[in-house]
PDB file of all heavy atoms in Angstrom:
ATOM      1  N   THR A   1       0.882  -1.202   0.052  1.00  0.00           N
ATOM      2  CA  THR A   1       0.001   0.062   0.006  1.00  0.00           C
ATOM      3  C   THR A   1       0.841   1.268  -0.007  1.00  0.00           C
ATOM      4  O   THR A   1       1.973   1.323   0.396  1.00  0.00           O
ATOM      5  CB  THR A   1      -0.874   0.030   1.257  1.00  0.00           C
ATOM      6  OG1 THR A   1      -0.119   0.110   2.413  1.00  0.00           O
ATOM      7  CG2 THR A   1      -1.759  -1.228   1.337  1.00  0.00           C
ATOM      8  N   GLN A   2       0.278   2.277  -0.501  1.00  0.00           N
ATOM      9  CA  GLN A   2       1.063   3.619  -0.688  1.00  0.00           C
ATOM     10  C   GLN A   2       1.537   4.163   0.680  1.00  0.00           C
ATOM     11  O   GLN A   2       2.599   4.723   0.858  1.00  0.00           O
ATOM     12  CB  GLN A   2       0.250   4.671  -1.369  1.00  0.00           C
ATOM     13  CG  GLN A   2       1.020   5.888  -1.733  1.00  0.00           C
ATOM     14  CD  GLN A   2       0.174   6.836  -2.477  1.00  0.00           C
ATOM     15  OE1 GLN A   2      -1.051   6.674  -2.813  1.00  0.00           O
ATOM     16  NE2 GLN A   2       0.726   7.897  -3.082  1.00  0.00           N
ATOM     17  N   ALA A   3       0.750   3.906   1.749  1.00  0.00           N
ATOM     18  CA  ALA A   3       1.077   4.320   3.109  1.00  0.00           C
ATOM     19  C   ALA A   3       2.208   3.531   3.797  1.00  0.00           C
ATOM     20  O   ALA A   3       2.783   3.867   4.931  1.00  0.00           O
ATOM     21  CB  ALA A   3      -0.151   4.355   3.937  1.00  0.00           C
ATOM     22  N   SER A   4       2.664   2.387   3.234  1.00  0.00           N
ATOM     23  CA  SER A   4       3.499   1.524   3.932  1.00  0.00           C
ATOM     24  C   SER A   4       5.030   1.926   3.620  1.00  0.00           C
ATOM     25  O   SER A   4       5.392   2.295   2.546  1.00  0.00           O
ATOM     26  CB  SER A   4       3.282   0.088   3.519  1.00  0.00           C
ATOM     27  OG  SER A   4       2.151  -0.332   3.911  1.00  0.00           O
ATOM     28  N   LEU A   5       5.868   1.935   4.643  1.00  0.00           N
ATOM     29  CA  LEU A   5       7.249   2.167   4.508  1.00  0.00           C
ATOM     30  C   LEU A   5       7.946   0.745   4.612  1.00  0.00           C
ATOM     31  O   LEU A   5       8.728   0.464   3.769  1.00  0.00           O
ATOM     32  CB  LEU A   5       7.747   2.943   5.799  1.00  0.00           C
ATOM     33  CG  LEU A   5       9.297   3.179   5.894  1.00  0.00           C
ATOM     34  CD1 LEU A   5       9.660   4.161   4.678  1.00  0.00           C
ATOM     35  CD2 LEU A   5       9.664   3.748   7.208  1.00  0.00           C
ATOM     36  N   LEU A   6       7.507  -0.137   5.518  1.00  0.00           N
ATOM     37  CA  LEU A   6       8.045  -1.488   5.503  1.00  0.00           C
ATOM     38  C   LEU A   6       6.831  -2.432   5.366  1.00  0.00           C
ATOM     39  O   LEU A   6       5.807  -2.167   6.065  1.00  0.00           O
ATOM     40  CB  LEU A   6       8.725  -1.778   6.878  1.00  0.00           C
ATOM     41  CG  LEU A   6       9.247  -3.157   7.111  1.00  0.00           C
ATOM     42  CD1 LEU A   6      10.571  -3.398   6.279  1.00  0.00           C
ATOM     43  CD2 LEU A   6       9.426  -3.421   8.456  1.00  0.00           C
ATOM     44  N   ARG A   7       6.967  -3.415   4.471  1.00  0.00           N
ATOM     45  CA  ARG A   7       5.940  -4.407   4.606  1.00  0.00           C
ATOM     46  C   ARG A   7       6.567  -5.817   4.620  1.00  0.00           C
ATOM     47  O   ARG A   7       7.590  -6.185   3.853  1.00  0.00           O
ATOM     48  CB  ARG A   7       5.169  -4.349   3.208  1.00  0.00           C
ATOM     49  CG  ARG A   7       3.999  -5.351   3.081  1.00  0.00           C
ATOM     50  CD  ARG A   7       3.373  -5.186   1.783  1.00  0.00           C
ATOM     51  NE  ARG A   7       2.279  -6.180   1.631  1.00  0.00           N
ATOM     52  CZ  ARG A   7       1.419  -6.415   0.542  1.00  0.00           C
ATOM     53  NH1 ARG A   7       1.686  -5.749  -0.422  1.00  0.00           N
ATOM     54  NH2 ARG A   7       0.515  -7.325   0.604  1.00  0.00           N
ATOM     55  N   VAL A   8       6.193  -6.660   5.535  1.00  0.00           N
ATOM     56  CA  VAL A   8       6.484  -8.060   5.787  1.00  0.00           C
ATOM     57  C   VAL A   8       5.347  -8.854   5.334  1.00  0.00           C
ATOM     58  O   VAL A   8       4.287  -8.790   5.828  1.00  0.00           O
ATOM     59  CB  VAL A   8       6.856  -8.269   7.211  1.00  0.00           C
ATOM     60  CG1 VAL A   8       7.225  -9.799   7.367  1.00  0.00           C
ATOM     61  CG2 VAL A   8       8.005  -7.395   7.726  1.00  0.00           C
ATOM     62  N   SER A   9       5.638  -9.742   4.321  1.00  0.00           N
ATOM     63  CA  SER A   9       4.591 -10.562   3.705  1.00  0.00           C
ATOM     64  C   SER A   9       4.851 -12.008   3.721  1.00  0.00           C
ATOM     65  O   SER A   9       5.797 -12.479   3.111  1.00  0.00           O
ATOM     66  CB  SER A   9       4.401 -10.103   2.231  1.00  0.00           C
ATOM     67  OG  SER A   9       4.120  -8.804   2.074  1.00  0.00           O
ATOM     68  N   ASP A  10       3.942 -12.685   4.483  1.00  0.00           N
ATOM     69  CA  ASP A  10       4.019 -14.166   4.560  1.00  0.00           C
ATOM     70  C   ASP A  10       5.396 -14.723   4.748  1.00  0.00           C
ATOM     71  O   ASP A  10       5.867 -15.746   4.151  1.00  0.00           O
ATOM     72  CB  ASP A  10       3.459 -14.727   3.206  1.00  0.00           C
ATOM     73  CG  ASP A  10       2.945 -16.100   3.379  1.00  0.00           C
ATOM     74  OD1 ASP A  10       2.530 -16.594   4.417  1.00  0.00           O
ATOM     75  OD2 ASP A  10       2.909 -16.918   2.354  1.00  0.00           O
ATOM     76  N   LEU A  11       6.124 -14.160   5.742  1.00  0.00           N
ATOM     77  CA  LEU A  11       7.450 -14.578   5.924  1.00  0.00           C
ATOM     78  C   LEU A  11       7.484 -15.862   6.828  1.00  0.00           C
ATOM     79  O   LEU A  11       6.917 -16.039   7.865  1.00  0.00           O
ATOM     80  CB  LEU A  11       8.297 -13.492   6.730  1.00  0.00           C
ATOM     81  CG  LEU A  11       9.626 -13.380   6.733  1.00  0.00           C
ATOM     82  CD1 LEU A  11      10.222 -13.023   5.321  1.00  0.00           C
ATOM     83  CD2 LEU A  11      10.243 -12.430   7.654  1.00  0.00           C
ATOM     84  N   SER A  12       8.378 -16.747   6.382  1.00  0.00           N
ATOM     85  CA  SER A  12       8.547 -18.043   7.102  1.00  0.00           C
ATOM     86  C   SER A  12      10.097 -18.279   7.176  1.00  0.00           C
ATOM     87  O   SER A  12      10.821 -18.208   6.193  1.00  0.00           O
ATOM     88  CB  SER A  12       7.906 -19.227   6.363  1.00  0.00           C
ATOM     89  OG  SER A  12       6.520 -19.080   6.398  1.00  0.00           O
ATOM     90  N   VAL A  13      10.526 -18.808   8.399  1.00  0.00           N
ATOM     91  CA  VAL A  13      11.883 -19.236   8.619  1.00  0.00           C
ATOM     92  C   VAL A  13      11.946 -20.462   9.434  1.00  0.00           C
ATOM     93  O   VAL A  13      11.118 -20.615  10.441  1.00  0.00           O
ATOM     94  CB  VAL A  13      12.650 -18.009   9.506  1.00  0.00           C
ATOM     95  CG1 VAL A  13      14.100 -18.369   9.840  1.00  0.00           C
ATOM     96  CG2 VAL A  13      12.734 -16.723   8.702  1.00  0.00           C
ATOM     97  N   ARG A  14      12.734 -21.257   9.015  1.00  0.00           N
ATOM     98  CA  ARG A  14      12.925 -22.607   9.717  1.00  0.00           C
ATOM     99  C   ARG A  14      14.397 -22.885  10.070  1.00  0.00           C
ATOM    100  O   ARG A  14      15.301 -22.554   9.152  1.00  0.00           O
ATOM    101  CB  ARG A  14      12.390 -23.785   8.858  1.00  0.00           C
ATOM    102  CG  ARG A  14      10.882 -23.828   8.724  1.00  0.00           C
ATOM    103  CD  ARG A  14      10.422 -25.053   7.898  1.00  0.00           C
ATOM    104  NE  ARG A  14      11.019 -25.010   6.585  1.00  0.00           N
ATOM    105  CZ  ARG A  14      10.526 -24.336   5.551  1.00  0.00           C
ATOM    106  NH1 ARG A  14       9.418 -23.580   5.752  1.00  0.00           N
ATOM    107  NH2 ARG A  14      11.077 -24.404   4.347  1.00  0.00           N
ATOM    108  N   PHE A  15      14.684 -23.346  11.183  1.00  0.00           N
ATOM    109  CA  PHE A  15      16.105 -23.794  11.528  1.00  0.00           C
ATOM    110  C   PHE A  15      15.983 -25.266  11.702  1.00  0.00           C
ATOM    111  O   PHE A  15      15.605 -25.820  12.766  1.00  0.00           O
ATOM    112  CB  PHE A  15      16.522 -23.058  12.705  1.00  0.00           C
ATOM    113  CG  PHE A  15      16.590 -21.598  12.645  1.00  0.00           C
ATOM    114  CD1 PHE A  15      15.752 -20.693  13.272  1.00  0.00           C
ATOM    115  CD2 PHE A  15      17.631 -20.938  11.793  1.00  0.00           C
ATOM    116  CE1 PHE A  15      15.786 -19.335  13.128  1.00  0.00           C
ATOM    117  CE2 PHE A  15      17.674 -19.607  11.638  1.00  0.00           C
ATOM    118  CZ  PHE A  15      16.708 -18.776  12.326  1.00  0.00           C
ATOM    119  N   GLY A  16      16.288 -26.081  10.695  1.00  0.00           N
ATOM    120  CA  GLY A  16      16.145 -27.517  10.731  1.00  0.00           C
ATOM    121  C   GLY A  16      14.745 -27.875  10.839  1.00  0.00           C
ATOM    122  O   GLY A  16      13.901 -27.416  10.015  1.00  0.00           O
ATOM    123  N   GLY A  17      14.311 -28.360  11.945  1.00  0.00           N
ATOM    124  CA  GLY A  17      12.899 -28.914  12.075  1.00  0.00           C
ATOM    125  C   GLY A  17      12.144 -27.842  12.910  1.00  0.00           C
ATOM    126  O   GLY A  17      10.935 -28.004  13.251  1.00  0.00           O
ATOM    127  N   VAL A  18      12.905 -26.724  13.399  1.00  0.00           N
ATOM    128  CA  VAL A  18      12.173 -25.745  14.254  1.00  0.00           C
ATOM    129  C   VAL A  18      11.664 -24.696  13.340  1.00  0.00           C
ATOM    130  O   VAL A  18      12.345 -23.979  12.504  1.00  0.00           O
ATOM    131  CB  VAL A  18      13.198 -25.138  15.246  1.00  0.00           C
ATOM    132  CG1 VAL A  18      12.561 -24.067  16.059  1.00  0.00           C
ATOM    133  CG2 VAL A  18      13.753 -26.291  16.126  1.00  0.00           C
ATOM    134  N   VAL A  19      10.365 -24.340  13.463  1.00  0.00           N
ATOM    135  CA  VAL A  19       9.712 -23.257  12.785  1.00  0.00           C
ATOM    136  C   VAL A  19       9.840 -22.026  13.659  1.00  0.00           C
ATOM    137  O   VAL A  19       9.276 -21.849  14.600  1.00  0.00           O
ATOM    138  CB  VAL A  19       8.219 -23.554  12.461  1.00  0.00           C
ATOM    139  CG1 VAL A  19       7.644 -22.413  11.725  1.00  0.00           C
ATOM    140  CG2 VAL A  19       8.055 -24.814  11.626  1.00  0.00           C
ATOM    141  N   ALA A  20      10.691 -21.003  13.158  1.00  0.00           N
ATOM    142  CA  ALA A  20      10.848 -19.732  13.964  1.00  0.00           C
ATOM    143  C   ALA A  20       9.847 -18.801  13.583  1.00  0.00           C
ATOM    144  O   ALA A  20       9.423 -17.926  14.373  1.00  0.00           O
ATOM    145  CB  ALA A  20      12.359 -19.266  13.711  1.00  0.00           C
ATOM    146  N   LEU A  21       9.479 -18.769  12.245  1.00  0.00           N
ATOM    147  CA  LEU A  21       8.470 -17.717  11.867  1.00  0.00           C
ATOM    148  C   LEU A  21       7.559 -18.564  10.850  1.00  0.00           C
ATOM    149  O   LEU A  21       7.991 -19.207  10.019  1.00  0.00           O
ATOM    150  CB  LEU A  21       8.999 -16.524  11.042  1.00  0.00           C
ATOM    151  CG  LEU A  21       9.823 -15.575  11.987  1.00  0.00           C
ATOM    152  CD1 LEU A  21      10.431 -14.421  11.149  1.00  0.00           C
ATOM    153  CD2 LEU A  21       8.943 -14.967  13.100  1.00  0.00           C
ATOM    154  N   ALA A  22       6.238 -18.312  10.965  1.00  0.00           N
ATOM    155  CA  ALA A  22       5.215 -19.127  10.158  1.00  0.00           C
ATOM    156  C   ALA A  22       4.239 -18.102   9.485  1.00  0.00           C
ATOM    157  O   ALA A  22       3.274 -17.843  10.030  1.00  0.00           O
ATOM    158  CB  ALA A  22       4.539 -20.208  10.900  1.00  0.00           C
ATOM    159  N   GLY A  23       4.632 -17.627   8.224  1.00  0.00           N
ATOM    160  CA  GLY A  23       3.717 -16.795   7.538  1.00  0.00           C
ATOM    161  C   GLY A  23       3.383 -15.479   8.116  1.00  0.00           C
ATOM    162  O   GLY A  23       2.244 -15.152   8.146  1.00  0.00           O
ATOM    163  N   ILE A  24       4.387 -14.767   8.618  1.00  0.00           N
ATOM    164  CA  ILE A  24       4.190 -13.518   9.302  1.00  0.00           C
ATOM    165  C   ILE A  24       3.947 -12.399   8.188  1.00  0.00           C
ATOM    166  O   ILE A  24       4.790 -12.256   7.292  1.00  0.00           O
ATOM    167  CB  ILE A  24       5.439 -13.218  10.278  1.00  0.00           C
ATOM    168  CG1 ILE A  24       5.532 -14.223  11.295  1.00  0.00           C
ATOM    169  CG2 ILE A  24       5.180 -11.862  10.955  1.00  0.00           C
ATOM    170  CD1 ILE A  24       4.332 -14.497  12.200  1.00  0.00           C
ATOM    171  N   SER A  25       2.900 -11.615   8.546  1.00  0.00           N
ATOM    172  CA  SER A  25       2.640 -10.508   7.624  1.00  0.00           C
ATOM    173  C   SER A  25       2.230  -9.232   8.477  1.00  0.00           C
ATOM    174  O   SER A  25       1.470  -9.358   9.348  1.00  0.00           O
ATOM    175  CB  SER A  25       1.446 -10.722   6.652  1.00  0.00           C
ATOM    176  OG  SER A  25       1.886 -11.697   5.730  1.00  0.00           O
ATOM    177  N   PHE A  26       2.812  -8.093   8.240  1.00  0.00           N
ATOM    178  CA  PHE A  26       2.272  -6.683   8.880  1.00  0.00           C
ATOM    179  C   PHE A  26       3.084  -5.630   8.025  1.00  0.00           C
ATOM    180  O   PHE A  26       3.978  -5.832   7.333  1.00  0.00           O
ATOM    181  CB  PHE A  26       2.606  -6.824  10.397  1.00  0.00           C
ATOM    182  CG  PHE A  26       4.078  -6.683  10.662  1.00  0.00           C
ATOM    183  CD1 PHE A  26       4.720  -5.492  10.885  1.00  0.00           C
ATOM    184  CD2 PHE A  26       4.879  -7.855  10.840  1.00  0.00           C
ATOM    185  CE1 PHE A  26       6.068  -5.380  11.240  1.00  0.00           C
ATOM    186  CE2 PHE A  26       6.188  -7.877  11.188  1.00  0.00           C
ATOM    187  CZ  PHE A  26       6.754  -6.679  11.246  1.00  0.00           C
ATOM    188  N   GLU A  27       2.534  -4.399   8.431  1.00  0.00           N
ATOM    189  CA  GLU A  27       3.099  -3.247   7.721  1.00  0.00           C
ATOM    190  C   GLU A  27       3.450  -2.167   8.764  1.00  0.00           C
ATOM    191  O   GLU A  27       2.981  -2.195   9.847  1.00  0.00           O
ATOM    192  CB  GLU A  27       2.163  -2.701   6.814  1.00  0.00           C
ATOM    193  CG  GLU A  27       1.869  -3.680   5.600  1.00  0.00           C
ATOM    194  CD  GLU A  27       0.944  -3.012   4.549  1.00  0.00           C
ATOM    195  OE1 GLU A  27       0.704  -1.775   4.625  1.00  0.00           O
ATOM    196  OE2 GLU A  27       0.491  -3.691   3.571  1.00  0.00           O
ATOM    197  N   VAL A  28       4.435  -1.276   8.414  1.00  0.00           N
ATOM    198  CA  VAL A  28       4.838  -0.165   9.247  1.00  0.00           C
ATOM    199  C   VAL A  28       4.731   1.082   8.360  1.00  0.00           C
ATOM    200  O   VAL A  28       5.386   1.190   7.295  1.00  0.00           O
ATOM    201  CB  VAL A  28       6.305  -0.381   9.808  1.00  0.00           C
ATOM    202  CG1 VAL A  28       6.597   0.959  10.629  1.00  0.00           C
ATOM    203  CG2 VAL A  28       6.449  -1.606  10.578  1.00  0.00           C
ATOM    204  N   ALA A  29       3.825   1.958   8.760  1.00  0.00           N
ATOM    205  CA  ALA A  29       3.618   3.134   8.017  1.00  0.00           C
ATOM    206  C   ALA A  29       4.721   4.210   8.401  1.00  0.00           C
ATOM    207  O   ALA A  29       5.210   4.208   9.478  1.00  0.00           O
ATOM    208  CB  ALA A  29       2.191   3.733   8.183  1.00  0.00           C
ATOM    209  N   PRO A  30       5.017   5.149   7.467  1.00  0.00           N
ATOM    210  CA  PRO A  30       5.849   6.171   7.957  1.00  0.00           C
ATOM    211  C   PRO A  30       5.486   7.015   9.174  1.00  0.00           C
ATOM    212  O   PRO A  30       4.249   7.359   9.222  1.00  0.00           O
ATOM    213  CB  PRO A  30       5.920   7.187   6.686  1.00  0.00           C
ATOM    214  CG  PRO A  30       5.509   6.240   5.572  1.00  0.00           C
ATOM    215  CD  PRO A  30       4.529   5.349   6.116  1.00  0.00           C
ATOM    216  N   GLY A  31       6.443   7.323  10.004  1.00  0.00           N
ATOM    217  CA  GLY A  31       6.151   8.129  11.173  1.00  0.00           C
ATOM    218  C   GLY A  31       5.349   7.313  12.329  1.00  0.00           C
ATOM    219  O   GLY A  31       4.837   8.051  13.200  1.00  0.00           O
ATOM    220  N   THR A  32       5.129   6.077  12.258  1.00  0.00           N
ATOM    221  CA  THR A  32       4.497   5.285  13.298  1.00  0.00           C
ATOM    222  C   THR A  32       5.320   4.485  13.976  1.00  0.00           C
ATOM    223  O   THR A  32       6.521   4.115  13.603  1.00  0.00           O
ATOM    224  CB  THR A  32       3.393   4.493  12.554  1.00  0.00           C
ATOM    225  OG1 THR A  32       3.969   3.427  11.754  1.00  0.00           O
ATOM    226  CG2 THR A  32       2.358   5.272  11.774  1.00  0.00           C
ATOM    227  N   ILE A  33       4.836   4.091  15.185  1.00  0.00           N
ATOM    228  CA  ILE A  33       5.683   3.175  16.131  1.00  0.00           C
ATOM    229  C   ILE A  33       4.877   1.892  16.248  1.00  0.00           C
ATOM    230  O   ILE A  33       3.666   1.927  16.644  1.00  0.00           O
ATOM    231  CB  ILE A  33       5.920   3.753  17.510  1.00  0.00           C
ATOM    232  CG1 ILE A  33       6.618   5.129  17.388  1.00  0.00           C
ATOM    233  CG2 ILE A  33       6.632   2.851  18.451  1.00  0.00           C
ATOM    234  CD1 ILE A  33       6.814   5.866  18.719  1.00  0.00           C
ATOM    235  N   VAL A  34       5.589   0.809  15.871  1.00  0.00           N
ATOM    236  CA  VAL A  34       4.861  -0.482  15.934  1.00  0.00           C
ATOM    237  C   VAL A  34       5.671  -1.361  16.924  1.00  0.00           C
ATOM    238  O   VAL A  34       6.935  -1.527  16.940  1.00  0.00           O
ATOM    239  CB  VAL A  34       4.933  -1.250  14.523  1.00  0.00           C
ATOM    240  CG1 VAL A  34       4.395  -2.696  14.665  1.00  0.00           C
ATOM    241  CG2 VAL A  34       4.075  -0.414  13.560  1.00  0.00           C
ATOM    242  N   GLY A  35       4.923  -1.948  17.909  1.00  0.00           N
ATOM    243  CA  GLY A  35       5.533  -2.813  18.931  1.00  0.00           C
ATOM    244  C   GLY A  35       5.431  -4.262  18.494  1.00  0.00           C
ATOM    245  O   GLY A  35       4.366  -4.640  17.987  1.00  0.00           O
ATOM    246  N   LEU A  36       6.527  -5.026  18.721  1.00  0.00           N
ATOM    247  CA  LEU A  36       6.443  -6.348  18.444  1.00  0.00           C
ATOM    248  C   LEU A  36       6.752  -7.194  19.763  1.00  0.00           C
ATOM    249  O   LEU A  36       7.753  -7.007  20.363  1.00  0.00           O
ATOM    250  CB  LEU A  36       7.674  -6.705  17.413  1.00  0.00           C
ATOM    251  CG  LEU A  36       7.666  -8.077  16.620  1.00  0.00           C
ATOM    252  CD1 LEU A  36       6.410  -8.366  15.907  1.00  0.00           C
ATOM    253  CD2 LEU A  36       8.802  -8.143  15.848  1.00  0.00           C
ATOM    254  N   ILE A  37       5.628  -7.927  20.195  1.00  0.00           N
ATOM    255  CA  ILE A  37       5.694  -8.463  21.383  1.00  0.00           C
ATOM    256  C   ILE A  37       5.571 -10.078  21.409  1.00  0.00           C
ATOM    257  O   ILE A  37       5.174 -10.573  20.262  1.00  0.00           O
ATOM    258  CB  ILE A  37       4.663  -7.935  22.472  1.00  0.00           C
ATOM    259  CG1 ILE A  37       3.267  -8.359  21.982  1.00  0.00           C
ATOM    260  CG2 ILE A  37       4.810  -6.526  22.671  1.00  0.00           C
ATOM    261  CD1 ILE A  37       2.114  -8.014  22.980  1.00  0.00           C
ATOM    262  N   GLY A  38       5.831 -10.754  22.328  1.00  0.00           N
ATOM    263  CA  GLY A  38       5.688 -12.165  22.444  1.00  0.00           C
ATOM    264  C   GLY A  38       6.628 -12.712  23.458  1.00  0.00           C
ATOM    265  O   GLY A  38       7.570 -12.141  23.876  1.00  0.00           O
ATOM    266  N   PRO A  39       6.309 -13.986  24.036  1.00  0.00           N
ATOM    267  CA  PRO A  39       7.127 -14.596  24.972  1.00  0.00           C
ATOM    268  C   PRO A  39       8.557 -15.008  24.365  1.00  0.00           C
ATOM    269  O   PRO A  39       8.725 -14.827  23.111  1.00  0.00           O
ATOM    270  CB  PRO A  39       6.415 -15.981  25.245  1.00  0.00           C
ATOM    271  CG  PRO A  39       4.920 -15.661  24.828  1.00  0.00           C
ATOM    272  CD  PRO A  39       5.034 -14.794  23.644  1.00  0.00           C
ATOM    273  N   ASN A  40       9.441 -15.357  25.186  1.00  0.00           N
ATOM    274  CA  ASN A  40      10.812 -15.807  24.696  1.00  0.00           C
ATOM    275  C   ASN A  40      10.607 -16.956  23.663  1.00  0.00           C
ATOM    276  O   ASN A  40       9.881 -17.775  23.865  1.00  0.00           O
ATOM    277  CB  ASN A  40      11.587 -16.328  25.834  1.00  0.00           C
ATOM    278  CG  ASN A  40      12.173 -15.182  26.581  1.00  0.00           C
ATOM    279  OD1 ASN A  40      12.389 -14.064  26.221  1.00  0.00           O
ATOM    280  ND2 ASN A  40      12.346 -15.470  27.975  1.00  0.00           N
ATOM    281  N   GLY A  41      11.281 -16.869  22.582  1.00  0.00           N
ATOM    282  CA  GLY A  41      11.245 -17.818  21.563  1.00  0.00           C
ATOM    283  C   GLY A  41      10.128 -17.670  20.595  1.00  0.00           C
ATOM    284  O   GLY A  41       9.759 -18.560  19.745  1.00  0.00           O
ATOM    285  N   ALA A  42       9.373 -16.461  20.626  1.00  0.00           N
ATOM    286  CA  ALA A  42       8.251 -16.289  19.731  1.00  0.00           C
ATOM    287  C   ALA A  42       8.702 -16.037  18.424  1.00  0.00           C
ATOM    288  O   ALA A  42       7.855 -16.066  17.432  1.00  0.00           O
ATOM    289  CB  ALA A  42       7.389 -15.130  20.338  1.00  0.00           C
TER     290      ALA A  42
END
């Protein structure tokens, strides 16, 4: 979208058999603050 500065789309990362990220999507618009939270290992 035109308002997006950063766009993460359907991102997946595996380390061997460990799924570290499974289809993550979100956007960061210019001049905004986005918090990324979750327990250890999220």
